[in-house]
N, C-alpha and C. Protein backbone atom coordinates (compact mmCIF):
# COMPACT_ATOMS: atom_id res chain seq x y z
N MET A 1 102.05 118.63 76.25
CA MET A 1 101.83 117.31 76.80
C MET A 1 101.21 117.46 78.20
N SER A 2 100.30 116.58 78.52
CA SER A 2 99.61 116.59 79.79
C SER A 2 100.56 116.17 80.92
N ILE A 3 100.40 116.79 82.08
CA ILE A 3 101.20 116.44 83.26
C ILE A 3 101.00 114.98 83.60
N ILE A 4 99.78 114.52 83.49
CA ILE A 4 99.45 113.15 83.88
C ILE A 4 100.25 112.12 83.06
N ASN A 5 100.67 112.49 81.86
CA ASN A 5 101.46 111.57 81.03
C ASN A 5 102.83 111.27 81.64
N ASN A 6 103.33 112.16 82.49
CA ASN A 6 104.64 111.94 83.11
C ASN A 6 104.56 111.10 84.38
N ILE A 7 103.36 110.77 84.82
CA ILE A 7 103.21 109.92 86.00
C ILE A 7 103.47 108.49 85.57
N ASN A 8 104.43 107.86 86.23
CA ASN A 8 104.94 106.56 85.82
C ASN A 8 104.20 105.44 86.57
N LYS A 9 103.56 104.56 85.82
CA LYS A 9 102.79 103.45 86.41
C LYS A 9 103.65 102.53 87.27
N VAL A 10 104.93 102.41 86.96
CA VAL A 10 105.81 101.52 87.75
C VAL A 10 105.86 101.99 89.20
N PHE A 11 105.71 103.28 89.44
CA PHE A 11 105.78 103.83 90.79
C PHE A 11 104.41 103.97 91.45
N ASP A 12 103.40 103.32 90.90
CA ASP A 12 102.04 103.42 91.42
C ASP A 12 101.85 102.86 92.82
N HIS A 13 102.69 102.00 93.26
CA HIS A 13 102.52 101.36 94.57
C HIS A 13 103.36 102.04 95.64
N ARG A 14 102.81 102.17 96.83
CA ARG A 14 103.52 102.87 97.92
C ARG A 14 104.85 102.20 98.28
N ILE A 15 104.93 100.87 98.15
CA ILE A 15 106.18 100.18 98.48
C ILE A 15 107.26 100.53 97.45
N ARG A 16 106.89 100.60 96.18
CA ARG A 16 107.87 100.98 95.15
C ARG A 16 108.30 102.43 95.33
N LEU A 17 107.37 103.29 95.68
CA LEU A 17 107.72 104.69 95.98
C LEU A 17 108.69 104.74 97.14
N GLY A 18 108.43 103.93 98.16
CA GLY A 18 109.30 103.88 99.33
C GLY A 18 110.69 103.38 98.99
N ILE A 19 110.76 102.31 98.21
CA ILE A 19 112.06 101.75 97.82
C ILE A 19 112.87 102.81 97.08
N MET A 20 112.25 103.43 96.10
CA MET A 20 112.96 104.44 95.31
C MET A 20 113.34 105.65 96.16
N SER A 21 112.48 106.06 97.07
CA SER A 21 112.79 107.20 97.93
C SER A 21 114.02 106.92 98.79
N VAL A 22 114.08 105.71 99.35
CA VAL A 22 115.25 105.34 100.16
C VAL A 22 116.51 105.32 99.30
N LEU A 23 116.39 104.73 98.12
CA LEU A 23 117.58 104.58 97.26
C LEU A 23 118.04 105.90 96.64
N MET A 24 117.15 106.85 96.49
CA MET A 24 117.54 108.15 95.92
C MET A 24 118.41 108.95 96.88
N VAL A 25 118.28 108.69 98.18
CA VAL A 25 119.06 109.47 99.15
C VAL A 25 120.19 108.65 99.78
N ASN A 26 120.32 107.41 99.38
CA ASN A 26 121.39 106.53 99.85
C ASN A 26 122.07 105.90 98.65
N GLU A 27 123.36 105.66 98.77
CA GLU A 27 124.09 105.02 97.67
C GLU A 27 123.51 103.64 97.38
N TYR A 28 123.13 102.94 98.44
CA TYR A 28 122.50 101.63 98.31
C TYR A 28 121.80 101.30 99.63
N ALA A 29 120.97 100.27 99.61
CA ALA A 29 120.34 99.75 100.82
C ALA A 29 120.20 98.25 100.65
N ASP A 30 120.39 97.52 101.74
CA ASP A 30 120.23 96.07 101.63
C ASP A 30 118.78 95.67 101.92
N PHE A 31 118.50 94.40 101.67
CA PHE A 31 117.14 93.88 101.78
C PHE A 31 116.55 94.13 103.17
N ASN A 32 117.31 93.79 104.20
CA ASN A 32 116.78 93.93 105.57
C ASN A 32 116.54 95.38 105.95
N THR A 33 117.41 96.27 105.49
CA THR A 33 117.22 97.70 105.77
C THR A 33 115.93 98.19 105.14
N LEU A 34 115.71 97.85 103.86
CA LEU A 34 114.47 98.25 103.18
C LEU A 34 113.26 97.64 103.88
N LYS A 35 113.36 96.38 104.26
CA LYS A 35 112.26 95.68 104.92
C LYS A 35 111.87 96.39 106.22
N GLU A 36 112.88 96.77 107.01
CA GLU A 36 112.61 97.46 108.28
C GLU A 36 112.07 98.86 108.07
N LEU A 37 112.69 99.61 107.17
CA LEU A 37 112.25 101.00 106.93
C LEU A 37 110.83 101.07 106.40
N LEU A 38 110.49 100.14 105.51
CA LEU A 38 109.18 100.18 104.85
C LEU A 38 108.13 99.33 105.57
N GLU A 39 108.58 98.56 106.57
CA GLU A 39 107.68 97.70 107.35
C GLU A 39 106.84 96.80 106.46
N VAL A 40 107.54 96.00 105.66
CA VAL A 40 106.88 95.07 104.74
C VAL A 40 107.41 93.65 104.95
N THR A 41 106.69 92.69 104.41
CA THR A 41 107.12 91.29 104.50
C THR A 41 108.20 91.00 103.46
N ASP A 42 108.89 89.89 103.65
CA ASP A 42 109.91 89.47 102.69
C ASP A 42 109.32 89.34 101.29
N GLY A 43 108.19 88.65 101.18
CA GLY A 43 107.57 88.41 99.88
C GLY A 43 107.13 89.68 99.19
N ASN A 44 106.56 90.58 99.97
CA ASN A 44 106.11 91.87 99.43
C ASN A 44 107.29 92.66 98.88
N LEU A 45 108.35 92.75 99.67
CA LEU A 45 109.53 93.50 99.23
C LEU A 45 110.16 92.84 98.01
N ALA A 46 110.26 91.53 98.03
CA ALA A 46 110.86 90.80 96.90
C ALA A 46 110.11 91.05 95.60
N SER A 47 108.78 91.03 95.65
CA SER A 47 108.01 91.23 94.41
C SER A 47 108.15 92.65 93.89
N HIS A 48 108.20 93.63 94.79
CA HIS A 48 108.32 95.02 94.34
C HIS A 48 109.73 95.36 93.86
N THR A 49 110.74 94.80 94.51
CA THR A 49 112.10 95.04 94.01
C THR A 49 112.28 94.36 92.65
N LYS A 50 111.65 93.22 92.46
CA LYS A 50 111.73 92.51 91.17
C LYS A 50 111.10 93.37 90.06
N ALA A 51 109.97 93.99 90.35
CA ALA A 51 109.31 94.85 89.35
C ALA A 51 110.21 96.04 88.99
N LEU A 52 110.85 96.63 89.97
CA LEU A 52 111.74 97.75 89.70
C LEU A 52 113.00 97.30 88.96
N GLU A 53 113.48 96.11 89.29
CA GLU A 53 114.64 95.56 88.59
C GLU A 53 114.30 95.25 87.13
N THR A 54 113.13 94.68 86.90
CA THR A 54 112.69 94.35 85.55
C THR A 54 112.58 95.61 84.68
N ALA A 55 112.16 96.70 85.28
CA ALA A 55 112.06 97.98 84.56
C ALA A 55 113.42 98.65 84.39
N ASP A 56 114.47 98.05 84.96
CA ASP A 56 115.83 98.59 84.93
C ASP A 56 115.95 99.90 85.71
N TYR A 57 115.16 100.01 86.79
CA TYR A 57 115.21 101.21 87.63
C TYR A 57 116.11 101.00 88.84
N ILE A 58 116.34 99.74 89.22
CA ILE A 58 117.27 99.46 90.30
C ILE A 58 118.23 98.35 89.88
N LYS A 59 119.39 98.36 90.52
CA LYS A 59 120.40 97.33 90.28
C LYS A 59 120.45 96.46 91.54
N VAL A 60 120.56 95.15 91.35
CA VAL A 60 120.60 94.22 92.46
C VAL A 60 121.98 93.56 92.50
N GLU A 61 122.59 93.59 93.68
CA GLU A 61 123.89 92.94 93.87
C GLU A 61 123.75 91.92 94.99
N LYS A 62 124.10 90.68 94.68
CA LYS A 62 124.07 89.62 95.70
C LYS A 62 125.49 89.28 96.06
N GLN A 63 125.74 89.18 97.36
CA GLN A 63 127.07 88.87 97.84
C GLN A 63 126.95 88.13 99.16
N PHE A 64 128.07 87.68 99.66
CA PHE A 64 128.09 87.06 100.99
C PHE A 64 128.90 87.95 101.91
N ILE A 65 128.38 88.16 103.11
CA ILE A 65 129.11 88.85 104.15
C ILE A 65 129.34 87.79 105.22
N GLY A 66 130.59 87.37 105.32
CA GLY A 66 130.89 86.19 106.12
C GLY A 66 130.25 85.01 105.41
N ARG A 67 129.41 84.30 106.10
CA ARG A 67 128.70 83.17 105.48
C ARG A 67 127.25 83.51 105.17
N LYS A 68 126.86 84.74 105.42
CA LYS A 68 125.47 85.13 105.22
C LYS A 68 125.26 85.81 103.87
N PRO A 69 124.23 85.39 103.15
CA PRO A 69 123.92 86.07 101.89
C PRO A 69 123.41 87.48 102.16
N ASN A 70 123.76 88.39 101.28
CA ASN A 70 123.33 89.78 101.42
C ASN A 70 122.94 90.29 100.04
N THR A 71 121.76 90.87 99.96
CA THR A 71 121.28 91.46 98.71
C THR A 71 121.17 92.95 98.92
N ARG A 72 121.82 93.72 98.04
CA ARG A 72 121.70 95.16 98.16
C ARG A 72 121.25 95.77 96.84
N TYR A 73 120.60 96.90 96.98
CA TYR A 73 119.97 97.56 95.84
C TYR A 73 120.48 98.97 95.70
N SER A 74 120.53 99.45 94.46
CA SER A 74 120.87 100.84 94.19
C SER A 74 120.09 101.26 92.95
N THR A 75 119.93 102.57 92.77
CA THR A 75 119.20 103.04 91.59
C THR A 75 120.12 103.00 90.37
N THR A 76 119.52 102.81 89.23
CA THR A 76 120.24 102.96 87.97
C THR A 76 120.08 104.42 87.54
N LYS A 77 120.85 104.84 86.57
CA LYS A 77 120.68 106.21 86.05
C LYS A 77 119.27 106.39 85.50
N LEU A 78 118.78 105.38 84.78
CA LEU A 78 117.42 105.44 84.24
C LEU A 78 116.40 105.54 85.37
N GLY A 79 116.58 104.74 86.41
CA GLY A 79 115.65 104.75 87.54
C GLY A 79 115.60 106.10 88.23
N ALA A 80 116.77 106.69 88.46
CA ALA A 80 116.83 108.00 89.10
C ALA A 80 116.16 109.06 88.23
N PHE A 81 116.41 109.00 86.93
CA PHE A 81 115.82 109.95 85.98
C PHE A 81 114.29 109.82 85.97
N GLU A 82 113.80 108.59 85.84
CA GLU A 82 112.35 108.36 85.77
C GLU A 82 111.65 108.70 87.08
N PHE A 83 112.30 108.41 88.20
CA PHE A 83 111.69 108.72 89.50
C PHE A 83 111.59 110.23 89.68
N LYS A 84 112.64 110.95 89.31
CA LYS A 84 112.61 112.41 89.42
C LYS A 84 111.50 112.99 88.54
N ASN A 85 111.37 112.47 87.32
CA ASN A 85 110.28 112.93 86.44
C ASN A 85 108.91 112.65 87.06
N HIS A 86 108.78 111.49 87.68
CA HIS A 86 107.51 111.09 88.31
C HIS A 86 107.17 112.05 89.46
N ILE A 87 108.15 112.33 90.31
CA ILE A 87 107.93 113.23 91.45
C ILE A 87 107.62 114.65 90.95
N ASP A 88 108.35 115.10 89.94
CA ASP A 88 108.08 116.43 89.36
C ASP A 88 106.65 116.51 88.83
N ALA A 89 106.20 115.46 88.16
CA ALA A 89 104.84 115.44 87.61
C ALA A 89 103.80 115.48 88.73
N LEU A 90 104.04 114.73 89.80
CA LEU A 90 103.11 114.75 90.94
C LEU A 90 103.07 116.14 91.58
N GLU A 91 104.23 116.77 91.72
CA GLU A 91 104.26 118.12 92.31
C GLU A 91 103.51 119.12 91.43
N LYS A 92 103.69 119.02 90.12
CA LYS A 92 102.98 119.92 89.21
C LYS A 92 101.47 119.70 89.29
N LEU A 93 101.08 118.45 89.40
CA LEU A 93 99.66 118.12 89.49
C LEU A 93 99.07 118.69 90.78
N ILE A 94 99.78 118.54 91.88
CA ILE A 94 99.32 119.04 93.18
C ILE A 94 99.25 120.56 93.17
N ASN A 95 100.26 121.21 92.61
CA ASN A 95 100.30 122.67 92.60
C ASN A 95 99.30 123.30 91.65
N LYS A 96 98.76 122.49 90.74
CA LYS A 96 97.75 123.00 89.80
C LYS A 96 96.40 123.20 90.47
N GLN A 97 96.19 122.50 91.56
CA GLN A 97 94.88 122.54 92.24
C GLN A 97 94.63 123.89 92.88
């Protein structure tokens, strides 16, 4: 099988790569933390987290802290597995050059 077949289209965007990278090394991250780390707008982050949630790569938990709504994200087992495969495929592609 070709290395390129393991490159996952869901991770094609830098913001999605960033979200997954943060979540792979942290148990979870909330919306504002991701927004600050990735330097993106609310709308941009919302659309990319929705795409990852739809693919079942991240889990979304909404809660209230005091009276303030808080949304936090974590990777699913599938998301962690697929992201690792994606990164492995990119590394193999780079090392082939």
